[in-house]
Amino acid sequence: ISIETALEGIDNILFRLWDMFINAKLHIINILPRVNVNKNNIVKELNRHIKQLCNGHGLSYIETELNAQLFSSSYSGLRKNTYFRSGYDNVHLNKVGITRLGRHLKHFAHNS
């Protein structure tokens, strides 16, 4: 899939959410980091686009990596595998990762 196709898909998802939940306050979380440098660079570009889209439409953008590095190494910027389900698809969070994300979202909810 090309990055342009991915960006178009993200736009479509967000616009559909806006249409479906007109009065809801939407919070959009960044795409989580990957283990591969090239994939991580694509994720960073997609996240920049998502953030700009959110800012342009008054949506909350929840960042897990820029300042907090919840799931990535502050040294390499690559994903910390200990928070992801290994052997399944290596993309979704495991229980430890979900707990970590939950704590971040709780902090976000109390400070926004």
PDB file of N, CA and C in Angstrom:
ATOM      1  N   ILE A   1       0.857  -1.184   0.000  1.00  0.00           N
ATOM      2  CA  ILE A   1       0.000   0.000   0.000  1.00  0.00           C
ATOM      3  C   ILE A   1       0.902   1.246   0.000  1.00  0.00           C
ATOM      4  N   SER A   2       0.549   2.204  -0.804  1.00  0.00           N
ATOM      5  CA  SER A   2       1.346   3.429  -0.860  1.00  0.00           C
ATOM      6  C   SER A   2       0.969   4.343   0.303  1.00  0.00           C
ATOM      7  N   ILE A   3       1.870   5.250   0.602  1.00  0.00           N
ATOM      8  CA  ILE A   3       1.600   6.183   1.696  1.00  0.00           C
ATOM      9  C   ILE A   3       0.415   7.088   1.348  1.00  0.00           C
ATOM     10  N   GLU A   4       0.274   7.428   0.069  1.00  0.00           N
ATOM     11  CA  GLU A   4      -0.856   8.263  -0.363  1.00  0.00           C
ATOM     12  C   GLU A   4      -2.182   7.536  -0.137  1.00  0.00           C
ATOM     13  N   THR A   5      -2.207   6.242  -0.436  1.00  0.00           N
ATOM     14  CA  THR A   5      -3.412   5.447  -0.214  1.00  0.00           C
ATOM     15  C   THR A   5      -3.728   5.363   1.274  1.00  0.00           C
ATOM     16  N   ALA A   6      -2.691   5.175   2.089  1.00  0.00           N
ATOM     17  CA  ALA A   6      -2.885   5.124   3.539  1.00  0.00           C
ATOM     18  C   ALA A   6      -3.431   6.446   4.063  1.00  0.00           C
ATOM     19  N   LEU A   7      -2.881   7.563   3.589  1.00  0.00           N
ATOM     20  CA  LEU A   7      -3.354   8.883   4.020  1.00  0.00           C
ATOM     21  C   LEU A   7      -4.808   9.101   3.609  1.00  0.00           C
ATOM     22  N   GLU A   8      -5.135   8.668   2.418  1.00  0.00           N
ATOM     23  CA  GLU A   8      -6.515   8.793   1.948  1.00  0.00           C
ATOM     24  C   GLU A   8      -7.459   7.953   2.813  1.00  0.00           C
ATOM     25  N   GLY A   9      -7.023   6.754   3.165  1.00  0.00           N
ATOM     26  CA  GLY A   9      -7.820   5.893   4.032  1.00  0.00           C
ATOM     27  C   GLY A   9      -8.021   6.500   5.411  1.00  0.00           C
ATOM     28  N   ILE A  10      -6.974   7.101   5.956  1.00  0.00           N
ATOM     29  CA  ILE A  10      -7.075   7.762   7.260  1.00  0.00           C
ATOM     30  C   ILE A  10      -8.056   8.924   7.179  1.00  0.00           C
ATOM     31  N   ASP A  11      -7.947   9.722   6.121  1.00  0.00           N
ATOM     32  CA  ASP A  11      -8.893  10.835   5.927  1.00  0.00           C
ATOM     33  C   ASP A  11     -10.322  10.308   5.893  1.00  0.00           C
ATOM     34  N   ASN A  12     -10.547   9.252   5.131  1.00  0.00           N
ATOM     35  CA  ASN A  12     -11.899   8.698   5.009  1.00  0.00           C
ATOM     36  C   ASN A  12     -12.444   8.218   6.344  1.00  0.00           C
ATOM     37  N   ILE A  13     -11.597   7.551   7.129  1.00  0.00           N
ATOM     38  CA  ILE A  13     -12.027   7.074   8.448  1.00  0.00           C
ATOM     39  C   ILE A  13     -12.409   8.252   9.346  1.00  0.00           C
ATOM     40  N   LEU A  14     -11.554   9.271   9.387  1.00  0.00           N
ATOM     41  CA  LEU A  14     -11.845  10.419  10.253  1.00  0.00           C
ATOM     42  C   LEU A  14     -13.099  11.166   9.807  1.00  0.00           C
ATOM     43  N   PHE A  15     -13.252  11.368   8.509  1.00  0.00           N
ATOM     44  CA  PHE A  15     -14.447  12.059   8.020  1.00  0.00           C
ATOM     45  C   PHE A  15     -15.702  11.251   8.306  1.00  0.00           C
ATOM     46  N   ARG A  16     -15.602   9.939   8.193  1.00  0.00           N
ATOM     47  CA  ARG A  16     -16.759   9.087   8.511  1.00  0.00           C
ATOM     48  C   ARG A  16     -17.108   9.186   9.999  1.00  0.00           C
ATOM     49  N   LEU A  17     -16.093   9.200  10.845  1.00  0.00           N
ATOM     50  CA  LEU A  17     -16.346   9.358  12.287  1.00  0.00           C
ATOM     51  C   LEU A  17     -17.016  10.693  12.584  1.00  0.00           C
ATOM     52  N   TRP A  18     -16.539  11.773  11.945  1.00  0.00           N
ATOM     53  CA  TRP A  18     -17.158  13.086  12.155  1.00  0.00           C
ATOM     54  C   TRP A  18     -18.619  13.063  11.745  1.00  0.00           C
ATOM     55  N   ASP A  19     -18.924  12.403  10.627  1.00  0.00           N
ATOM     56  CA  ASP A  19     -20.306  12.323  10.150  1.00  0.00           C
ATOM     57  C   ASP A  19     -21.185  11.507  11.088  1.00  0.00           C
ATOM     58  N   MET A  20     -20.642  10.418  11.609  1.00  0.00           N
ATOM     59  CA  MET A  20     -21.426   9.523  12.462  1.00  0.00           C
ATOM     60  C   MET A  20     -21.649  10.083  13.860  1.00  0.00           C
ATOM     61  N   PHE A  21     -20.680  10.814  14.371  1.00  0.00           N
ATOM     62  CA  PHE A  21     -20.735  11.285  15.752  1.00  0.00           C
ATOM     63  C   PHE A  21     -20.536  12.798  15.788  1.00  0.00           C
ATOM     64  N   ILE A  22     -21.483  13.503  15.234  1.00  0.00           N
ATOM     65  CA  ILE A  22     -21.375  14.952  15.040  1.00  0.00           C
ATOM     66  C   ILE A  22     -21.103  15.701  16.338  1.00  0.00           C
ATOM     67  N   ASN A  23     -21.765  15.339  17.413  1.00  0.00           N
ATOM     68  CA  ASN A  23     -21.636  16.080  18.671  1.00  0.00           C
ATOM     69  C   ASN A  23     -20.616  15.480  19.638  1.00  0.00           C
ATOM     70  N   ALA A  24     -19.974  14.400  19.233  1.00  0.00           N
ATOM     71  CA  ALA A  24     -19.007  13.746  20.121  1.00  0.00           C
ATOM     72  C   ALA A  24     -17.668  14.465  20.077  1.00  0.00           C
ATOM     73  N   LYS A  25     -16.984  14.433  21.208  1.00  0.00           N
ATOM     74  CA  LYS A  25     -15.609  14.934  21.253  1.00  0.00           C
ATOM     75  C   LYS A  25     -14.697  13.751  20.959  1.00  0.00           C
ATOM     76  N   LEU A  26     -14.076  13.771  19.787  1.00  0.00           N
ATOM     77  CA  LEU A  26     -13.248  12.644  19.359  1.00  0.00           C
ATOM     78  C   LEU A  26     -11.798  12.837  19.786  1.00  0.00           C
ATOM     79  N   HIS A  27     -11.211  11.749  20.248  1.00  0.00           N
ATOM     80  CA  HIS A  27      -9.796  11.719  20.619  1.00  0.00           C
ATOM     81  C   HIS A  27      -9.129  10.688  19.716  1.00  0.00           C
ATOM     82  N   ILE A  28      -8.140  11.118  18.975  1.00  0.00           N
ATOM     83  CA  ILE A  28      -7.462  10.259  18.018  1.00  0.00           C
ATOM     84  C   ILE A  28      -6.046   9.992  18.524  1.00  0.00           C
ATOM     85  N   ILE A  29      -5.685   8.728  18.594  1.00  0.00           N
ATOM     86  CA  ILE A  29      -4.355   8.357  19.075  1.00  0.00           C
ATOM     87  C   ILE A  29      -3.437   8.083  17.877  1.00  0.00           C
ATOM     88  N   ASN A  30      -2.171   8.366  18.066  1.00  0.00           N
ATOM     89  CA  ASN A  30      -1.202   8.130  16.994  1.00  0.00           C
ATOM     90  C   ASN A  30      -1.067   6.644  16.668  1.00  0.00           C
ATOM     91  N   ILE A  31      -0.557   6.368  15.480  1.00  0.00           N
ATOM     92  CA  ILE A  31      -0.218   5.005  15.108  1.00  0.00           C
ATOM     93  C   ILE A  31       1.030   4.632  15.910  1.00  0.00           C
ATOM     94  N   LEU A  32       1.032   3.464  16.478  1.00  0.00           N
ATOM     95  CA  LEU A  32       2.135   3.050  17.342  1.00  0.00           C
ATOM     96  C   LEU A  32       3.383   2.702  16.527  1.00  0.00           C
ATOM     97  N   PRO A  33       4.554   2.823  17.148  1.00  0.00           N
ATOM     98  CA  PRO A  33       5.822   2.611  16.438  1.00  0.00           C
ATOM     99  C   PRO A  33       6.006   1.168  15.973  1.00  0.00           C
ATOM    100  N   ARG A  34       6.923   1.002  15.051  1.00  0.00           N
ATOM    101  CA  ARG A  34       7.265  -0.308  14.494  1.00  0.00           C
ATOM    102  C   ARG A  34       8.723  -0.637  14.802  1.00  0.00           C
ATOM    103  N   VAL A  35       9.110  -1.867  14.516  1.00  0.00           N
ATOM    104  CA  VAL A  35      10.470  -2.319  14.806  1.00  0.00           C
ATOM    105  C   VAL A  35      11.449  -1.947  13.713  1.00  0.00           C
ATOM    106  N   ASN A  36      10.973  -1.719  12.544  1.00  0.00           N
ATOM    107  CA  ASN A  36      11.804  -1.461  11.382  1.00  0.00           C
ATOM    108  C   ASN A  36      11.923   0.047  11.144  1.00  0.00           C
ATOM    109  N   VAL A  37      13.131   0.529  10.878  1.00  0.00           N
ATOM    110  CA  VAL A  37      13.371   1.963  10.688  1.00  0.00           C
ATOM    111  C   VAL A  37      12.526   2.516   9.538  1.00  0.00           C
ATOM    112  N   ASN A  38      12.495   1.803   8.407  1.00  0.00           N
ATOM    113  CA  ASN A  38      11.724   2.289   7.261  1.00  0.00           C
ATOM    114  C   ASN A  38      10.231   2.366   7.573  1.00  0.00           C
ATOM    115  N   LYS A  39       9.700   1.331   8.210  1.00  0.00           N
ATOM    116  CA  LYS A  39       8.284   1.342   8.589  1.00  0.00           C
ATOM    117  C   LYS A  39       8.018   2.443   9.609  1.00  0.00           C
ATOM    118  N   ASN A  40       8.959   2.646  10.521  1.00  0.00           N
ATOM    119  CA  ASN A  40       8.808   3.689  11.531  1.00  0.00           C
ATOM    120  C   ASN A  40       8.767   5.073  10.887  1.00  0.00           C
ATOM    121  N   ASN A  41       9.567   5.282   9.860  1.00  0.00           N
ATOM    122  CA  ASN A  41       9.538   6.569   9.156  1.00  0.00           C
ATOM    123  C   ASN A  41       8.187   6.804   8.492  1.00  0.00           C
ATOM    124  N   ILE A  42       7.597   5.765   7.941  1.00  0.00           N
ATOM    125  CA  ILE A  42       6.266   5.880   7.344  1.00  0.00           C
ATOM    126  C   ILE A  42       5.239   6.189   8.426  1.00  0.00           C
ATOM    127  N   VAL A  43       5.333   5.496   9.561  1.00  0.00           N
ATOM    128  CA  VAL A  43       4.413   5.736  10.676  1.00  0.00           C
ATOM    129  C   VAL A  43       4.526   7.184  11.149  1.00  0.00           C
ATOM    130  N   LYS A  44       5.738   7.693  11.246  1.00  0.00           N
ATOM    131  CA  LYS A  44       5.932   9.085  11.671  1.00  0.00           C
ATOM    132  C   LYS A  44       5.276  10.048  10.688  1.00  0.00           C
ATOM    133  N   GLU A  45       5.407   9.778   9.396  1.00  0.00           N
ATOM    134  CA  GLU A  45       4.771  10.640   8.391  1.00  0.00           C
ATOM    135  C   GLU A  45       3.250  10.567   8.488  1.00  0.00           C
ATOM    136  N   LEU A  46       2.724   9.371   8.664  1.00  0.00           N
ATOM    137  CA  LEU A  46       1.277   9.217   8.830  1.00  0.00           C
ATOM    138  C   LEU A  46       0.793   9.952  10.079  1.00  0.00           C
ATOM    139  N   ASN A  47       1.555   9.841  11.164  1.00  0.00           N
ATOM    140  CA  ASN A  47       1.176  10.524  12.406  1.00  0.00           C
ATOM    141  C   ASN A  47       1.204  12.042  12.258  1.00  0.00           C
ATOM    142  N   ARG A  48       2.165  12.572  11.521  1.00  0.00           N
ATOM    143  CA  ARG A  48       2.187  14.024  11.270  1.00  0.00           C
ATOM    144  C   ARG A  48       0.912  14.454  10.549  1.00  0.00           C
ATOM    145  N   HIS A  49       0.502  13.665   9.586  1.00  0.00           N
ATOM    146  CA  HIS A  49      -0.715  13.964   8.834  1.00  0.00           C
ATOM    147  C   HIS A  49      -1.948  13.906   9.749  1.00  0.00           C
ATOM    148  N   ILE A  50      -2.020  12.857  10.561  1.00  0.00           N
ATOM    149  CA  ILE A  50      -3.161  12.705  11.477  1.00  0.00           C
ATOM    150  C   ILE A  50      -3.213  13.888  12.442  1.00  0.00           C
ATOM    151  N   LYS A  51      -2.066  14.265  12.972  1.00  0.00           N
ATOM    152  CA  LYS A  51      -2.016  15.390  13.905  1.00  0.00           C
ATOM    153  C   LYS A  51      -2.489  16.681  13.236  1.00  0.00           C
ATOM    154  N   GLN A  52      -2.030  16.950  12.022  1.00  0.00           N
ATOM    155  CA  GLN A  52      -2.453  18.152  11.292  1.00  0.00           C
ATOM    156  C   GLN A  52      -3.958  18.124  11.032  1.00  0.00           C
ATOM    157  N   LEU A  53      -4.452  16.964  10.660  1.00  0.00           N
ATOM    158  CA  LEU A  53      -5.882  16.823  10.405  1.00  0.00           C
ATOM    159  C   LEU A  53      -6.682  17.091  11.675  1.00  0.00           C
ATOM    160  N   CYS A  54      -6.235  16.537  12.784  1.00  0.00           N
ATOM    161  CA  CYS A  54      -6.915  16.756  14.067  1.00  0.00           C
ATOM    162  C   CYS A  54      -6.878  18.231  14.458  1.00  0.00           C
ATOM    163  N   ASN A  55      -5.710  18.844  14.349  1.00  0.00           N
ATOM    164  CA  ASN A  55      -5.588  20.260  14.694  1.00  0.00           C
ATOM    165  C   ASN A  55      -6.483  21.128  13.822  1.00  0.00           C
ATOM    166  N   GLY A  56      -6.596  20.777  12.543  1.00  0.00           N
ATOM    167  CA  GLY A  56      -7.406  21.548  11.618  1.00  0.00           C
ATOM    168  C   GLY A  56      -8.897  21.421  11.858  1.00  0.00           C
ATOM    169  N   HIS A  57      -9.302  20.365  12.572  1.00  0.00           N
ATOM    170  CA  HIS A  57     -10.728  20.138  12.806  1.00  0.00           C
ATOM    171  C   HIS A  57     -11.090  20.166  14.290  1.00  0.00           C
ATOM    172  N   GLY A  58     -10.175  20.618  15.127  1.00  0.00           N
ATOM    173  CA  GLY A  58     -10.468  20.750  16.550  1.00  0.00           C
ATOM    174  C   GLY A  58     -10.598  19.438  17.294  1.00  0.00           C
ATOM    175  N   LEU A  59      -9.937  18.401  16.815  1.00  0.00           N
ATOM    176  CA  LEU A  59      -9.973  17.111  17.500  1.00  0.00           C
ATOM    177  C   LEU A  59      -8.758  16.975  18.406  1.00  0.00           C
ATOM    178  N   SER A  60      -8.904  16.175  19.441  1.00  0.00           N
ATOM    179  CA  SER A  60      -7.778  15.893  20.322  1.00  0.00           C
ATOM    180  C   SER A  60      -6.899  14.826  19.677  1.00  0.00           C
ATOM    181  N   TYR A  61      -5.607  15.111  19.604  1.00  0.00           N
ATOM    182  CA  TYR A  61      -4.632  14.146  19.094  1.00  0.00           C
ATOM    183  C   TYR A  61      -3.820  13.667  20.283  1.00  0.00           C
ATOM    184  N   ILE A  62      -3.853  12.387  20.535  1.00  0.00           N
ATOM    185  CA  ILE A  62      -3.138  11.820  21.679  1.00  0.00           C
ATOM    186  C   ILE A  62      -1.836  11.215  21.190  1.00  0.00           C
ATOM    187  N   GLU A  63      -0.749  11.779  21.647  1.00  0.00           N
ATOM    188  CA  GLU A  63       0.599  11.357  21.242  1.00  0.00           C
ATOM    189  C   GLU A  63       1.190  10.466  22.327  1.00  0.00           C
ATOM    190  N   THR A  64       1.646   9.286  21.933  1.00  0.00           N
ATOM    191  CA  THR A  64       2.270   8.392  22.914  1.00  0.00           C
ATOM    192  C   THR A  64       3.787   8.366  22.804  1.00  0.00           C
ATOM    193  N   GLU A  65       4.340   8.936  21.740  1.00  0.00           N
ATOM    194  CA  GLU A  65       5.768   8.769  21.514  1.00  0.00           C
ATOM    195  C   GLU A  65       6.588  10.045  21.571  1.00  0.00           C
ATOM    196  N   LEU A  66       6.046  11.157  21.165  1.00  0.00           N
ATOM    197  CA  LEU A  66       6.829  12.370  21.020  1.00  0.00           C
ATOM    198  C   LEU A  66       7.535  12.762  22.315  1.00  0.00           C
ATOM    199  N   ASN A  67       6.798  12.848  23.397  1.00  0.00           N
ATOM    200  CA  ASN A  67       7.389  13.235  24.683  1.00  0.00           C
ATOM    201  C   ASN A  67       7.508  12.060  25.646  1.00  0.00           C
ATOM    202  N   ALA A  68       6.527  11.190  25.624  1.00  0.00           N
ATOM    203  CA  ALA A  68       6.477  10.119  26.618  1.00  0.00           C
ATOM    204  C   ALA A  68       7.256   8.871  26.229  1.00  0.00           C
ATOM    205  N   GLN A  69       7.389   8.602  24.946  1.00  0.00           N
ATOM    206  CA  GLN A  69       8.008   7.369  24.456  1.00  0.00           C
ATOM    207  C   GLN A  69       7.479   6.150  25.209  1.00  0.00           C
ATOM    208  N   LEU A  70       6.155   6.028  25.204  1.00  0.00           N
ATOM    209  CA  LEU A  70       5.535   4.915  25.909  1.00  0.00           C
ATOM    210  C   LEU A  70       5.908   3.564  25.323  1.00  0.00           C
ATOM    211  N   PHE A  71       5.997   3.509  24.004  1.00  0.00           N
ATOM    212  CA  PHE A  71       6.212   2.230  23.353  1.00  0.00           C
ATOM    213  C   PHE A  71       7.459   2.197  22.478  1.00  0.00           C
ATOM    214  N   SER A  72       8.279   3.226  22.551  1.00  0.00           N
ATOM    215  CA  SER A  72       9.495   3.261  21.739  1.00  0.00           C
ATOM    216  C   SER A  72      10.697   3.657  22.586  1.00  0.00           C
ATOM    217  N   SER A  73      11.840   3.291  22.086  1.00  0.00           N
ATOM    218  CA  SER A  73      13.086   3.612  22.754  1.00  0.00           C
ATOM    219  C   SER A  73      13.433   5.080  22.526  1.00  0.00           C
ATOM    220  N   SER A  74      13.796   5.779  23.577  1.00  0.00           N
ATOM    221  CA  SER A  74      14.199   7.179  23.414  1.00  0.00           C
ATOM    222  C   SER A  74      15.524   7.276  22.663  1.00  0.00           C
ATOM    223  N   TYR A  75      16.287   6.197  22.651  1.00  0.00           N
ATOM    224  CA  TYR A  75      17.572   6.184  21.947  1.00  0.00           C
ATOM    225  C   TYR A  75      17.386   5.942  20.439  1.00  0.00           C
ATOM    226  N   SER A  76      16.710   4.850  20.093  1.00  0.00           N
ATOM    227  CA  SER A  76      16.600   4.475  18.672  1.00  0.00           C
ATOM    228  C   SER A  76      15.310   4.958  18.027  1.00  0.00           C
ATOM    229  N   GLY A  77      14.296   5.221  18.844  1.00  0.00           N
ATOM    230  CA  GLY A  77      12.988   5.588  18.298  1.00  0.00           C
ATOM    231  C   GLY A  77      12.186   4.394  17.843  1.00  0.00           C
ATOM    232  N   LEU A  78      12.779   3.209  17.930  1.00  0.00           N
ATOM    233  CA  LEU A  78      12.081   2.005  17.501  1.00  0.00           C
ATOM    234  C   LEU A  78      11.238   1.440  18.638  1.00  0.00           C
ATOM    235  N   ARG A  79      10.299   0.639  18.260  1.00  0.00           N
ATOM    236  CA  ARG A  79       9.348   0.061  19.194  1.00  0.00           C
ATOM    237  C   ARG A  79      10.021  -0.841  20.227  1.00  0.00           C
ATOM    238  N   LYS A  80       9.505  -0.780  21.466  1.00  0.00           N
ATOM    239  CA  LYS A  80       9.912  -1.708  22.519  1.00  0.00           C
ATOM    240  C   LYS A  80       8.994  -2.931  22.413  1.00  0.00           C
ATOM    241  N   ASN A  81       9.541  -4.042  21.991  1.00  0.00           N
ATOM    242  CA  ASN A  81       8.735  -5.237  21.731  1.00  0.00           C
ATOM    243  C   ASN A  81       8.038  -5.805  22.960  1.00  0.00           C
ATOM    244  N   THR A  82       8.508  -5.457  24.146  1.00  0.00           N
ATOM    245  CA  THR A  82       7.920  -6.018  25.362  1.00  0.00           C
ATOM    246  C   THR A  82       6.453  -5.625  25.538  1.00  0.00           C
ATOM    247  N   TYR A  83       5.981  -4.622  24.805  1.00  0.00           N
ATOM    248  CA  TYR A  83       4.597  -4.157  24.940  1.00  0.00           C
ATOM    249  C   TYR A  83       3.676  -4.683  23.843  1.00  0.00           C
ATOM    250  N   PHE A  84       4.203  -5.505  22.947  1.00  0.00           N
ATOM    251  CA  PHE A  84       3.425  -5.968  21.799  1.00  0.00           C
ATOM    252  C   PHE A  84       3.288  -7.486  21.796  1.00  0.00           C
ATOM    253  N   ARG A  85       2.208  -7.964  21.187  1.00  0.00           N
ATOM    254  CA  ARG A  85       1.916  -9.394  21.116  1.00  0.00           C
ATOM    255  C   ARG A  85       2.855 -10.062  20.118  1.00  0.00           C
ATOM    256  N   SER A  86       3.766 -10.838  20.618  1.00  0.00           N
ATOM    257  CA  SER A  86       4.694 -11.537  19.720  1.00  0.00           C
ATOM    258  C   SER A  86       4.051 -12.833  19.240  1.00  0.00           C
ATOM    259  N   GLY A  87       4.373 -13.198  18.010  1.00  0.00           N
ATOM    260  CA  GLY A  87       3.856 -14.439  17.471  1.00  0.00           C
ATOM    261  C   GLY A  87       2.448 -14.335  16.920  1.00  0.00           C
ATOM    262  N   TYR A  88       1.730 -13.282  17.263  1.00  0.00           N
ATOM    263  CA  TYR A  88       0.362 -13.108  16.764  1.00  0.00           C
ATOM    264  C   TYR A  88       0.422 -12.297  15.483  1.00  0.00           C
ATOM    265  N   ASP A  89       0.669 -11.018  15.615  1.00  0.00           N
ATOM    266  CA  ASP A  89       0.854 -10.165  14.441  1.00  0.00           C
ATOM    267  C   ASP A  89       1.927  -9.114  14.689  1.00  0.00           C
ATOM    268  N   ASN A  90       2.452  -9.089  15.917  1.00  0.00           N
ATOM    269  CA  ASN A  90       3.518  -8.167  16.296  1.00  0.00           C
ATOM    270  C   ASN A  90       3.140  -6.696  16.118  1.00  0.00           C
ATOM    271  N   VAL A  91       1.858  -6.406  16.041  1.00  0.00           N
ATOM    272  CA  VAL A  91       1.403  -5.026  15.864  1.00  0.00           C
ATOM    273  C   VAL A  91       0.532  -4.592  17.038  1.00  0.00           C
ATOM    274  N   HIS A  92      -0.293  -5.488  17.544  1.00  0.00           N
ATOM    275  CA  HIS A  92      -1.215  -5.134  18.620  1.00  0.00           C
ATOM    276  C   HIS A  92      -0.542  -5.247  19.983  1.00  0.00           C
ATOM    277  N   LEU A  93      -1.013  -4.435  20.905  1.00  0.00           N
ATOM    278  CA  LEU A  93      -0.462  -4.416  22.253  1.00  0.00           C
ATOM    279  C   LEU A  93      -0.815  -5.688  23.009  1.00  0.00           C
ATOM    280  N   ASN A  94       0.090  -6.111  23.892  1.00  0.00           N
ATOM    281  CA  ASN A  94      -0.206  -7.209  24.801  1.00  0.00           C
ATOM    282  C   ASN A  94      -0.818  -6.615  26.075  1.00  0.00           C
ATOM    283  N   LYS A  95      -1.033  -7.419  27.087  1.00  0.00           N
ATOM    284  CA  LYS A  95      -1.674  -6.939  28.324  1.00  0.00           C
ATOM    285  C   LYS A  95      -0.860  -5.833  28.996  1.00  0.00           C
ATOM    286  N   VAL A  96       0.434  -5.991  29.009  1.00  0.00           N
ATOM    287  CA  VAL A  96       1.300  -4.976  29.625  1.00  0.00           C
ATOM    288  C   VAL A  96       1.211  -3.667  28.838  1.00  0.00           C
ATOM    289  N   GLY A  97       1.200  -3.764  27.521  1.00  0.00           N
ATOM    290  CA  GLY A  97       1.080  -2.581  26.675  1.00  0.00           C
ATOM    291  C   GLY A  97      -0.268  -1.894  26.830  1.00  0.00           C
ATOM    292  N   ILE A  98      -1.327  -2.690  26.927  1.00  0.00           N
ATOM    293  CA  ILE A  98      -2.668  -2.122  27.102  1.00  0.00           C
ATOM    294  C   ILE A  98      -2.755  -1.396  28.438  1.00  0.00           C
ATOM    295  N   THR A  99      -2.187  -1.985  29.470  1.00  0.00           N
ATOM    296  CA  THR A  99      -2.179  -1.341  30.784  1.00  0.00           C
ATOM    297  C   THR A  99      -1.412  -0.015  30.720  1.00  0.00           C
ATOM    298  N   ARG A 100      -0.287  -0.029  30.057  1.00  0.00           N
ATOM    299  CA  ARG A 100       0.526   1.191  29.911  1.00  0.00           C
ATOM    300  C   ARG A 100      -0.246   2.273  29.143  1.00  0.00           C
ATOM    301  N   LEU A 101      -0.904   1.877  28.064  1.00  0.00           N
ATOM    302  CA  LEU A 101      -1.707   2.820  27.291  1.00  0.00           C
ATOM    303  C   LEU A 101      -2.867   3.345  28.132  1.00  0.00           C
ATOM    304  N   GLY A 102      -3.506   2.475  28.880  1.00  0.00           N
ATOM    305  CA  GLY A 102      -4.615   2.886  29.742  1.00  0.00           C
ATOM    306  C   GLY A 102      -4.198   3.943  30.750  1.00  0.00           C
ATOM    307  N   ARG A 103      -3.051   3.774  31.343  1.00  0.00           N
ATOM    308  CA  ARG A 103      -2.544   4.769  32.303  1.00  0.00           C
ATOM    309  C   ARG A 103      -2.298   6.116  31.627  1.00  0.00           C
ATOM    310  N   HIS A 104      -1.753   6.057  30.401  1.00  0.00           N
ATOM    311  CA  HIS A 104      -1.499   7.282  29.634  1.00  0.00           C
ATOM    312  C   HIS A 104      -2.816   7.981  29.306  1.00  0.00           C
ATOM    313  N   LEU A 105      -3.819   7.220  28.889  1.00  0.00           N
ATOM    314  CA  LEU A 105      -5.113   7.804  28.548  1.00  0.00           C
ATOM    315  C   LEU A 105      -5.810   8.381  29.779  1.00  0.00           C
ATOM    316  N   LYS A 106      -5.651   7.717  30.911  1.00  0.00           N
ATOM    317  CA  LYS A 106      -6.229   8.233  32.163  1.00  0.00           C
ATOM    318  C   LYS A 106      -5.583   9.575  32.504  1.00  0.00           C
ATOM    319  N   HIS A 107      -4.274   9.653  32.376  1.00  0.00           N
ATOM    320  CA  HIS A 107      -3.570  10.905  32.624  1.00  0.00           C
ATOM    321  C   HIS A 107      -4.031  11.979  31.638  1.00  0.00           C
ATOM    322  N   PHE A 108      -4.167  11.609  30.380  1.00  0.00           N
ATOM    323  CA  PHE A 108      -4.645  12.531  29.349  1.00  0.00           C
ATOM    324  C   PHE A 108      -6.037  13.055  29.700  1.00  0.00           C
ATOM    325  N   ALA A 109      -6.925  12.143  30.109  1.00  0.00           N
ATOM    326  CA  ALA A 109      -8.320  12.528  30.418  1.00  0.00           C
ATOM    327  C   ALA A 109      -8.383  13.500  31.597  1.00  0.00           C
ATOM    328  N   HIS A 110      -7.514  13.323  32.569  1.00  0.00           N
ATOM    329  CA  HIS A 110      -7.527  14.194  33.746  1.00  0.00           C
ATOM    330  C   HIS A 110      -6.832  15.514  33.514  1.00  0.00           C
ATOM    331  N   ASN A 111      -6.056  15.615  32.448  1.00  0.00           N
ATOM    332  CA  ASN A 111      -5.296  16.843  32.190  1.00  0.00           C
ATOM    333  C   ASN A 111      -5.714  17.549  30.911  1.00  0.00           C
ATOM    334  N   SER A 112      -6.855  17.189  30.359  1.00  0.00           N
ATOM    335  CA  SER A 112      -7.274  17.890  29.136  1.00  0.00           C
ATOM    336  C   SER A 112      -8.588  18.609  29.339  1.00  0.00           C
TER     337      SER A 112
END
